[in-house]
Amino acid sequence: MNRVIFQCEDSMEGILTGVYDAWASRVGHDRVKLEAGPDHEMELFSEYRRVETDGEKAEKVAGTIRRRMGQNCWESIYQATLAEEKEKAEAVYRSVVLGLSLAQRKNGSVYRLMENIQEPCIFQVMTLSRAVAREAHRYLGFVRFQEMKGKLLYSEIEPSGQILPLIGEHFANRYPGERFLIFDRHHQMSLLHQPGAPWYLFRGEAPKTELLEQSDGEKAYEELWKGFVDTIAIRERENGGLQQQLLPLKFRKYMTEWG
């Protein structure tokens, strides 16, 4: 029998909608595969079905995971959906199928799915989740804002994973009275915060560069910061290898002191 491959959007909502549709298809878990993103290698003797992202379906799947497998399991799966990995959707689908199967044997009590690290799909989800969380944590220290005219703080980043949902709360709490925008160039996603309002995400629209003009004092402060960093450096103790390990090149492109 042919395998049925469900192709979904590369987002948390898209992947969870794919999980919902694949499960509801009733073609059998062994015949189903879930793929995320626009680029796919076509397979012989396979039927392809396009998944349209549906927030209501995604929330149903998320609610089931929280209820049947616990909040910790949900956080791991959620972070795995943000990773830069072709096989993440399939790993999430297999994990949910396994979790619900094992949870049925617990007579309604919460099943701690992520403890089954010996299962390949669980191991992959945990690995992806930790990688995304680690990258998000590093960006808390590597994000650099520029002050633009109109009192907007602007930053660009280029992370591997879709980390903006994981760092939004941190910067909103740190700068509650500021209007700021963080643009993820790699994923074409932006995080916007307005004073006194919740932060939110939007996709697919890069900020208009002609509207992003630095404030009069920004250049002066940038030069002061570069001078400070240069002054405190101890040339005799430079260690390029260790420096690159702790501060990879991909972070430096958007850091003021390396500009």
Protein backbone atom coordinates (compact mmCIF):
# COMPACT_ATOMS: atom_id res chain seq x y z
CA MET A 1 0.00 0.00 0.00
CA ASN A 2 1.23 3.52 -0.82
CA ARG A 3 2.44 5.81 1.92
CA VAL A 4 0.55 9.05 2.53
CA ILE A 5 2.80 12.07 3.06
CA PHE A 6 1.21 15.12 4.70
CA GLN A 7 3.02 18.38 3.84
CA CYS A 8 2.52 21.24 6.30
CA GLU A 9 3.77 24.75 6.97
CA ASP A 10 7.06 25.07 8.85
CA SER A 11 5.59 26.53 12.03
CA MET A 12 4.27 25.25 15.34
CA GLU A 13 0.67 25.73 14.18
CA GLY A 14 1.39 24.10 10.83
CA ILE A 15 3.03 21.02 12.32
CA LEU A 16 0.32 20.50 14.93
CA THR A 17 -2.34 20.87 12.24
CA GLY A 18 -0.44 18.21 10.30
CA VAL A 19 -0.51 15.94 13.35
CA TYR A 20 -4.29 16.46 13.59
CA ASP A 21 -4.95 15.77 9.90
CA ALA A 22 -2.63 12.77 9.74
CA TRP A 23 -4.29 11.22 12.80
CA ALA A 24 -7.80 11.98 11.54
CA SER A 25 -7.06 10.49 8.11
CA ARG A 26 -7.36 6.97 9.56
CA VAL A 27 -4.98 5.56 6.94
CA GLY A 28 -2.83 3.96 9.65
CA HIS A 29 0.16 5.43 11.49
CA ASP A 30 2.59 3.09 9.73
CA ARG A 31 1.55 4.52 6.36
CA VAL A 32 1.75 8.18 7.37
CA LYS A 33 4.65 10.62 7.16
CA LEU A 34 4.62 14.30 8.13
CA GLU A 35 6.87 16.86 6.42
CA ALA A 36 7.24 20.58 7.22
CA GLY A 37 8.39 23.40 4.98
CA PRO A 38 8.27 24.20 1.25
CA ASP A 39 11.17 22.01 0.09
CA HIS A 40 10.46 18.29 -0.22
CA GLU A 41 12.02 15.42 -2.11
CA MET A 42 9.31 13.55 -3.97
CA GLU A 43 9.08 9.84 -3.18
CA LEU A 44 7.90 7.10 -5.51
CA PHE A 45 4.67 5.25 -4.74
CA SER A 46 3.53 7.96 -2.29
CA GLU A 47 0.37 10.02 -2.09
CA TYR A 48 0.82 13.66 -1.12
CA ARG A 49 -1.70 15.71 0.83
CA ARG A 50 -1.31 19.43 1.52
CA VAL A 51 -2.13 20.57 5.06
CA GLU A 52 -3.73 24.00 5.48
CA THR A 53 -2.72 25.53 8.80
CA ASP A 54 -5.66 25.72 11.20
CA GLY A 55 -5.25 27.37 14.60
CA GLU A 56 -8.22 25.55 16.10
CA LYS A 57 -6.85 22.13 15.13
CA ALA A 58 -3.40 23.07 16.41
CA GLU A 59 -4.82 24.16 19.77
CA LYS A 60 -6.73 20.89 20.10
CA VAL A 61 -3.53 18.91 19.63
CA ALA A 62 -1.60 21.16 22.02
CA GLY A 63 -4.35 20.82 24.64
CA THR A 64 -4.33 17.04 24.32
CA ILE A 65 -0.56 16.91 24.78
CA ARG A 66 -0.73 19.10 27.90
CA ARG A 67 -3.60 17.13 29.37
CA ARG A 68 -2.40 13.61 28.60
CA MET A 69 1.40 14.03 28.71
CA GLY A 70 2.01 17.08 30.89
CA GLN A 71 3.32 20.63 30.54
CA ASN A 72 6.98 19.57 30.36
CA CYS A 73 6.24 17.30 27.41
CA TRP A 74 4.36 20.10 25.67
CA GLU A 75 7.28 22.52 26.13
CA SER A 76 9.73 20.01 24.63
CA ILE A 77 7.50 19.34 21.62
CA TYR A 78 6.77 23.05 21.16
CA GLN A 79 10.46 23.96 21.15
CA ALA A 80 11.23 21.08 18.76
CA THR A 81 8.75 22.55 16.24
CA LEU A 82 10.87 25.73 16.20
CA ALA A 83 14.09 23.92 15.25
CA GLU A 84 15.90 24.04 11.91
CA GLU A 85 15.55 20.37 11.04
CA LYS A 86 13.82 18.65 8.10
CA GLU A 87 12.68 15.63 10.11
CA LYS A 88 11.22 17.54 13.06
CA ALA A 89 7.58 17.23 11.96
CA GLU A 90 7.88 13.45 11.62
CA ALA A 91 9.61 13.20 15.03
CA VAL A 92 6.82 15.25 16.64
CA TYR A 93 4.12 13.14 14.99
CA ARG A 94 5.72 9.85 16.09
CA SER A 95 6.16 11.21 19.62
CA VAL A 96 2.50 12.24 19.89
CA VAL A 97 1.31 8.87 18.54
CA LEU A 98 3.56 7.03 21.02
CA GLY A 99 2.55 9.29 23.90
CA LEU A 100 -1.18 8.87 23.37
CA SER A 101 -0.79 5.12 22.97
CA LEU A 102 1.16 4.81 26.23
CA ALA A 103 -1.10 7.31 28.05
CA GLN A 104 -4.12 5.06 27.42
CA ARG A 105 -2.51 2.42 29.59
CA LYS A 106 -2.28 4.88 32.50
CA ASN A 107 -6.08 5.06 32.84
CA GLY A 108 -6.31 8.80 32.34
CA SER A 109 -3.33 9.87 34.46
CA VAL A 110 -0.57 12.05 32.94
CA TYR A 111 2.09 10.03 31.15
CA ARG A 112 5.65 11.44 31.26
CA LEU A 113 6.52 10.76 27.65
CA MET A 114 9.89 12.54 27.57
CA GLU A 115 11.35 10.03 30.01
CA ASN A 116 11.36 7.45 27.18
CA ILE A 117 14.67 8.72 25.82
CA GLN A 118 15.45 5.28 24.37
CA GLU A 119 12.78 5.84 21.71
CA PRO A 120 14.35 7.43 18.57
CA CYS A 121 11.53 9.94 18.08
CA ILE A 122 11.68 11.06 21.73
CA PHE A 123 15.46 11.36 21.61
CA GLN A 124 15.20 13.50 18.47
CA VAL A 125 12.52 15.76 19.97
CA MET A 126 14.57 16.24 23.14
CA THR A 127 17.74 16.96 21.14
CA LEU A 128 15.99 19.57 18.97
CA SER A 129 14.22 21.13 21.94
CA ARG A 130 17.45 21.57 23.88
CA ALA A 131 19.27 23.01 20.86
CA VAL A 132 16.55 25.63 20.32
CA ALA A 133 16.42 26.51 24.03
CA ARG A 134 20.20 26.85 24.13
CA GLU A 135 20.26 29.13 21.08
CA ALA A 136 17.44 31.28 22.47
CA HIS A 137 19.32 31.65 25.77
CA ARG A 138 22.46 32.78 23.98
CA TYR A 139 20.56 35.41 22.02
CA LEU A 140 19.39 37.00 25.25
CA GLY A 141 22.94 38.32 25.54
CA PHE A 142 23.76 38.79 21.86
CA VAL A 143 20.82 40.92 20.68
CA ARG A 144 21.94 44.50 19.98
CA PHE A 145 19.41 47.31 19.57
CA GLN A 146 19.86 50.49 17.57
CA GLU A 147 17.87 53.60 18.35
CA MET A 148 15.95 54.78 15.30
CA LYS A 149 14.16 58.04 14.71
CA GLY A 150 10.69 57.88 16.15
CA LYS A 151 12.02 56.31 19.36
CA LEU A 152 12.05 52.78 17.96
CA LEU A 153 14.64 50.28 19.15
CA TYR A 154 15.52 47.99 16.24
CA SER A 155 17.53 44.77 16.07
CA GLU A 156 18.27 42.17 13.41
CA ILE A 157 19.22 38.56 14.12
CA GLU A 158 19.75 35.46 11.99
CA PRO A 159 19.23 32.41 14.22
CA SER A 160 19.06 28.80 13.08
CA GLY A 161 15.82 28.11 14.98
CA GLN A 162 12.65 30.19 15.18
CA ILE A 163 13.56 31.59 18.58
CA LEU A 164 11.55 34.84 18.64
CA PRO A 165 8.63 33.27 20.56
CA LEU A 166 11.11 32.18 23.26
CA ILE A 167 12.82 35.54 23.78
CA GLY A 168 9.84 37.90 23.47
CA GLU A 169 8.86 37.78 27.13
CA HIS A 170 12.42 38.47 28.28
CA PHE A 171 12.81 41.67 26.27
CA ALA A 172 9.25 42.83 27.00
CA ASN A 173 9.99 42.55 30.72
CA ARG A 174 13.39 44.18 30.32
CA TYR A 175 12.12 47.13 28.26
CA PRO A 176 8.45 47.53 29.26
CA GLY A 177 8.34 51.22 28.37
CA GLU A 178 10.08 50.93 25.00
CA ARG A 179 8.84 50.38 21.48
CA PHE A 180 11.10 47.80 19.89
CA LEU A 181 11.25 45.53 16.87
CA ILE A 182 13.41 42.41 16.49
CA PHE A 183 13.60 41.10 12.93
CA ASP A 184 14.64 37.49 12.25
CA ARG A 185 16.02 37.77 8.74
CA HIS A 186 16.50 34.03 8.29
CA HIS A 187 12.85 33.16 8.93
CA GLN A 188 11.32 36.48 7.80
CA MET A 189 9.65 36.88 11.18
CA SER A 190 9.35 39.98 13.39
CA LEU A 191 8.65 40.56 17.06
CA LEU A 192 7.05 43.90 17.91
CA HIS A 193 6.50 45.41 21.35
CA GLN A 194 4.60 48.58 22.17
CA PRO A 195 4.69 50.23 25.64
CA GLY A 196 1.82 49.05 27.78
CA ALA A 197 0.78 46.33 25.33
CA PRO A 198 1.62 42.64 24.81
CA TRP A 199 4.32 41.76 22.28
CA TYR A 200 3.30 39.88 19.17
CA LEU A 201 4.81 38.12 16.13
CA PHE A 202 4.15 38.55 12.44
CA ARG A 203 5.64 36.81 9.40
CA GLY A 204 6.54 37.34 5.80
CA GLU A 205 7.13 41.08 5.75
CA ALA A 206 10.60 42.57 6.20
CA PRO A 207 10.80 46.05 7.76
CA LYS A 208 11.03 48.81 5.17
CA THR A 209 14.66 49.91 5.34
CA GLU A 210 13.88 53.44 4.14
CA LEU A 211 11.83 53.95 7.30
CA LEU A 212 14.64 52.76 9.56
CA GLU A 213 16.85 55.78 10.04
CA GLN A 214 19.19 55.98 13.02
CA SER A 215 18.60 58.69 15.59
CA ASP A 216 21.02 61.59 15.80
CA GLY A 217 22.81 60.20 18.84
CA GLU A 218 22.97 56.53 17.80
CA LYS A 219 26.24 56.74 15.84
CA ALA A 220 27.97 58.56 18.69
CA TYR A 221 26.90 55.94 21.22
CA GLU A 222 27.98 53.15 18.88
CA GLU A 223 31.47 54.65 18.66
CA LEU A 224 31.60 55.03 22.45
CA TRP A 225 30.62 51.37 22.90
CA LYS A 226 33.22 50.17 20.38
CA GLY A 227 35.86 52.28 22.13
CA PHE A 228 34.92 50.83 25.51
CA VAL A 229 35.11 47.25 24.24
CA ASP A 230 38.47 47.94 22.59
CA THR A 231 39.85 49.56 25.74
CA ILE A 232 39.01 46.71 28.11
CA ALA A 233 40.47 44.08 25.75
CA ILE A 234 43.77 42.54 26.88
CA ARG A 235 45.70 41.87 23.66
CA GLU A 236 48.26 39.62 25.36
CA ARG A 237 45.51 37.24 26.47
CA GLU A 238 43.59 36.96 23.21
CA ASN A 239 42.43 33.43 22.39
CA GLY A 240 40.77 33.37 18.99
CA GLY A 241 39.71 29.72 19.19
CA LEU A 242 38.00 30.07 22.56
CA GLN A 243 36.47 33.38 21.50
CA GLN A 244 34.90 31.79 18.42
CA GLN A 245 33.63 28.90 20.52
CA LEU A 246 31.88 31.22 22.96
CA LEU A 247 30.87 33.80 20.34
CA PRO A 248 30.35 32.11 16.92
CA LEU A 249 30.74 34.18 13.78
CA LYS A 250 27.01 34.07 12.99
CA PHE A 251 26.29 36.24 16.05
CA ARG A 252 28.87 38.91 15.23
CA LYS A 253 27.28 40.13 12.01
CA TYR A 254 24.63 42.06 13.93
CA MET A 255 26.62 42.98 17.06
CA THR A 256 27.62 46.64 17.38
CA GLU A 257 31.11 45.96 18.75
CA TRP A 258 31.96 43.80 15.72
CA GLY A 259 30.49 46.13 13.11
